[in-house]
Amino acid sequence: MKIIKGDKVIVIAGKDRGKTGTVSEAFPKINMVLVDGVNVKKKHQKPRGRNARKGQILEKSLPIHVSNVMIVDPKGGKRTRVGVERKDGKRTRITKKSHTELA
């Protein structure tokens, strides 16, 4: 999986197509990422006890599959693929469009 925490991504498929956000968490074992402001669902919470917790509607971001997002190119601002290059024995990620190095 070439997308990691902190990357700026754009959604390319699904109901949130076209939205951008940063990856707040990555789940490589299940090939999913959690993107801020994307795939937001409402969860109804029942009140618990008298003074413990009130009933409310919470908005929660759920993970989205990594195949439905692409990295945003830092130079052009458009979506791009990610490649891997070896420099001095170290693995670095680069963008395919502008060949800039990703953090």
C-alpha atoms as a PDB file:
ATOM      1  CA  MET A   1       0.000   0.000   0.000  1.00  0.00           C
ATOM      2  CA  LYS A   2       1.610   3.246  -1.156  1.00  0.00           C
ATOM      3  CA  ILE A   3      -0.648   5.680   0.729  1.00  0.00           C
ATOM      4  CA  ILE A   4       0.327   6.480   4.310  1.00  0.00           C
ATOM      5  CA  LYS A   5      -0.819   8.687   7.174  1.00  0.00           C
ATOM      6  CA  GLY A   6      -0.510  12.407   6.414  1.00  0.00           C
ATOM      7  CA  ASP A   7      -0.880  12.150   2.626  1.00  0.00           C
ATOM      8  CA  LYS A   8      -3.257  14.503   0.832  1.00  0.00           C
ATOM      9  CA  VAL A   9      -5.616  12.418  -1.308  1.00  0.00           C
ATOM     10  CA  ILE A  10      -8.595  12.865  -3.628  1.00  0.00           C
ATOM     11  CA  VAL A  11     -11.519  10.429  -3.815  1.00  0.00           C
ATOM     12  CA  ILE A  12     -11.930   9.019  -7.337  1.00  0.00           C
ATOM     13  CA  ALA A  13     -14.946   6.722  -6.836  1.00  0.00           C
ATOM     14  CA  GLY A  14     -18.048   6.507  -4.698  1.00  0.00           C
ATOM     15  CA  LYS A  15     -20.539   9.002  -3.311  1.00  0.00           C
ATOM     16  CA  ASP A  16     -17.780  11.378  -2.165  1.00  0.00           C
ATOM     17  CA  ARG A  17     -16.065  11.500  -5.560  1.00  0.00           C
ATOM     18  CA  GLY A  18     -14.018  14.673  -6.045  1.00  0.00           C
ATOM     19  CA  LYS A  19     -13.542  15.459  -2.356  1.00  0.00           C
ATOM     20  CA  THR A  20     -10.050  15.926  -0.991  1.00  0.00           C
ATOM     21  CA  GLY A  21      -8.668  15.380   2.486  1.00  0.00           C
ATOM     22  CA  THR A  22      -5.727  14.144   4.465  1.00  0.00           C
ATOM     23  CA  VAL A  23      -5.273  10.554   5.567  1.00  0.00           C
ATOM     24  CA  SER A  24      -5.624  10.431   9.340  1.00  0.00           C
ATOM     25  CA  GLU A  25      -5.054   6.693   9.649  1.00  0.00           C
ATOM     26  CA  ALA A  26      -4.046   3.824   7.354  1.00  0.00           C
ATOM     27  CA  PHE A  27      -5.009   0.162   7.728  1.00  0.00           C
ATOM     28  CA  PRO A  28      -2.607  -1.803   5.476  1.00  0.00           C
ATOM     29  CA  LYS A  29      -3.877  -5.253   6.494  1.00  0.00           C
ATOM     30  CA  ILE A  30      -7.350  -4.523   5.124  1.00  0.00           C
ATOM     31  CA  ASN A  31      -6.243  -2.022   2.401  1.00  0.00           C
ATOM     32  CA  MET A  32      -8.299   0.866   3.781  1.00  0.00           C
ATOM     33  CA  VAL A  33      -7.593   4.462   4.786  1.00  0.00           C
ATOM     34  CA  LEU A  34      -9.429   6.928   7.008  1.00  0.00           C
ATOM     35  CA  VAL A  35      -9.736  10.322   5.291  1.00  0.00           C
ATOM     36  CA  ASP A  36     -10.921  13.411   7.180  1.00  0.00           C
ATOM     37  CA  GLY A  37     -14.312  14.646   5.948  1.00  0.00           C
ATOM     38  CA  VAL A  38     -14.915  11.705   3.583  1.00  0.00           C
ATOM     39  CA  ASN A  39     -17.398   8.834   4.026  1.00  0.00           C
ATOM     40  CA  VAL A  40     -19.071  10.521   6.999  1.00  0.00           C
ATOM     41  CA  LYS A  41     -21.945   8.570   8.546  1.00  0.00           C
ATOM     42  CA  LYS A  42     -24.390   9.580  11.280  1.00  0.00           C
ATOM     43  CA  LYS A  43     -24.610   7.429  14.385  1.00  0.00           C
ATOM     44  CA  HIS A  44     -27.566   7.774  16.732  1.00  0.00           C
ATOM     45  CA  GLN A  45     -26.544   7.397  20.367  1.00  0.00           C
ATOM     46  CA  LYS A  46     -29.099   6.505  23.028  1.00  0.00           C
ATOM     47  CA  PRO A  47     -29.033   8.260  26.392  1.00  0.00           C
ATOM     48  CA  ARG A  48     -27.326   6.229  29.122  1.00  0.00           C
ATOM     49  CA  GLY A  49     -28.370   6.691  32.743  1.00  0.00           C
ATOM     50  CA  ARG A  50     -29.732   9.841  34.327  1.00  0.00           C
ATOM     51  CA  ASN A  51     -26.665  12.035  34.397  1.00  0.00           C
ATOM     52  CA  ALA A  52     -24.162   9.937  32.443  1.00  0.00           C
ATOM     53  CA  ARG A  53     -24.663  10.784  28.761  1.00  0.00           C
ATOM     54  CA  LYS A  54     -27.305  12.529  26.680  1.00  0.00           C
ATOM     55  CA  GLY A  55     -28.792  11.116  23.506  1.00  0.00           C
ATOM     56  CA  GLN A  56     -27.308  12.661  20.402  1.00  0.00           C
ATOM     57  CA  ILE A  57     -26.464  12.190  16.745  1.00  0.00           C
ATOM     58  CA  LEU A  58     -22.739  11.838  16.118  1.00  0.00           C
ATOM     59  CA  GLU A  59     -20.967  12.173  12.768  1.00  0.00           C
ATOM     60  CA  LYS A  60     -18.177   9.664  12.248  1.00  0.00           C
ATOM     61  CA  SER A  61     -15.726   9.177   9.367  1.00  0.00           C
ATOM     62  CA  LEU A  62     -15.468   5.565   8.259  1.00  0.00           C
ATOM     63  CA  PRO A  63     -12.602   3.964   6.301  1.00  0.00           C
ATOM     64  CA  ILE A  64     -12.597   3.943   2.499  1.00  0.00           C
ATOM     65  CA  HIS A  65     -10.825   1.426   0.278  1.00  0.00           C
ATOM     66  CA  VAL A  66      -7.396   2.486  -0.912  1.00  0.00           C
ATOM     67  CA  SER A  67      -8.316   1.806  -4.555  1.00  0.00           C
ATOM     68  CA  ASN A  68     -10.869   4.619  -4.381  1.00  0.00           C
ATOM     69  CA  VAL A  69      -8.328   7.333  -3.516  1.00  0.00           C
ATOM     70  CA  MET A  70      -5.284   8.808  -5.268  1.00  0.00           C
ATOM     71  CA  ILE A  71      -2.476  11.080  -4.102  1.00  0.00           C
ATOM     72  CA  VAL A  72      -2.747  14.790  -4.930  1.00  0.00           C
ATOM     73  CA  ASP A  73       0.360  16.051  -6.734  1.00  0.00           C
ATOM     74  CA  PRO A  74       2.055  18.796  -4.655  1.00  0.00           C
ATOM     75  CA  LYS A  75       3.063  20.768  -7.774  1.00  0.00           C
ATOM     76  CA  GLY A  76       0.031  20.508 -10.043  1.00  0.00           C
ATOM     77  CA  GLY A  77      -2.731  19.868  -7.529  1.00  0.00           C
ATOM     78  CA  LYS A  78      -4.186  17.069  -9.640  1.00  0.00           C
ATOM     79  CA  ARG A  79      -4.334  13.362  -8.879  1.00  0.00           C
ATOM     80  CA  THR A  80      -1.334  11.184  -9.643  1.00  0.00           C
ATOM     81  CA  ARG A  81       0.052   7.723  -9.128  1.00  0.00           C
ATOM     82  CA  VAL A  82       2.837   6.924  -6.706  1.00  0.00           C
ATOM     83  CA  GLY A  83       6.115   5.290  -7.617  1.00  0.00           C
ATOM     84  CA  VAL A  84       9.046   4.057  -5.558  1.00  0.00           C
ATOM     85  CA  GLU A  85      12.692   4.922  -6.194  1.00  0.00           C
ATOM     86  CA  ARG A  86      15.832   3.789  -4.418  1.00  0.00           C
ATOM     87  CA  LYS A  87      18.330   6.503  -3.485  1.00  0.00           C
ATOM     88  CA  ASP A  88      21.457   5.545  -1.544  1.00  0.00           C
ATOM     89  CA  GLY A  89      19.811   2.300  -0.457  1.00  0.00           C
ATOM     90  CA  LYS A  90      16.744   4.085   0.917  1.00  0.00           C
ATOM     91  CA  ARG A  91      13.221   3.727  -0.428  1.00  0.00           C
ATOM     92  CA  THR A  92      11.550   7.020  -1.398  1.00  0.00           C
ATOM     93  CA  ARG A  93       8.086   7.628  -2.772  1.00  0.00           C
ATOM     94  CA  ILE A  94       7.711   9.887  -5.812  1.00  0.00           C
ATOM     95  CA  THR A  95       4.794  11.181  -7.855  1.00  0.00           C
ATOM     96  CA  LYS A  96       4.557   9.891 -11.409  1.00  0.00           C
ATOM     97  CA  LYS A  97       3.420  13.214 -12.937  1.00  0.00           C
ATOM     98  CA  SER A  98       6.021  15.646 -11.641  1.00  0.00           C
ATOM     99  CA  HIS A  99       8.605  13.247 -10.116  1.00  0.00           C
ATOM    100  CA  THR A 100       8.545  15.140  -6.812  1.00  0.00           C
ATOM    101  CA  GLU A 101       9.457  13.341  -3.636  1.00  0.00           C
ATOM    102  CA  LEU A 102       6.713  12.671  -1.089  1.00  0.00           C
ATOM    103  CA  ALA A 103       7.378  13.037   2.635  1.00  0.00           C
END
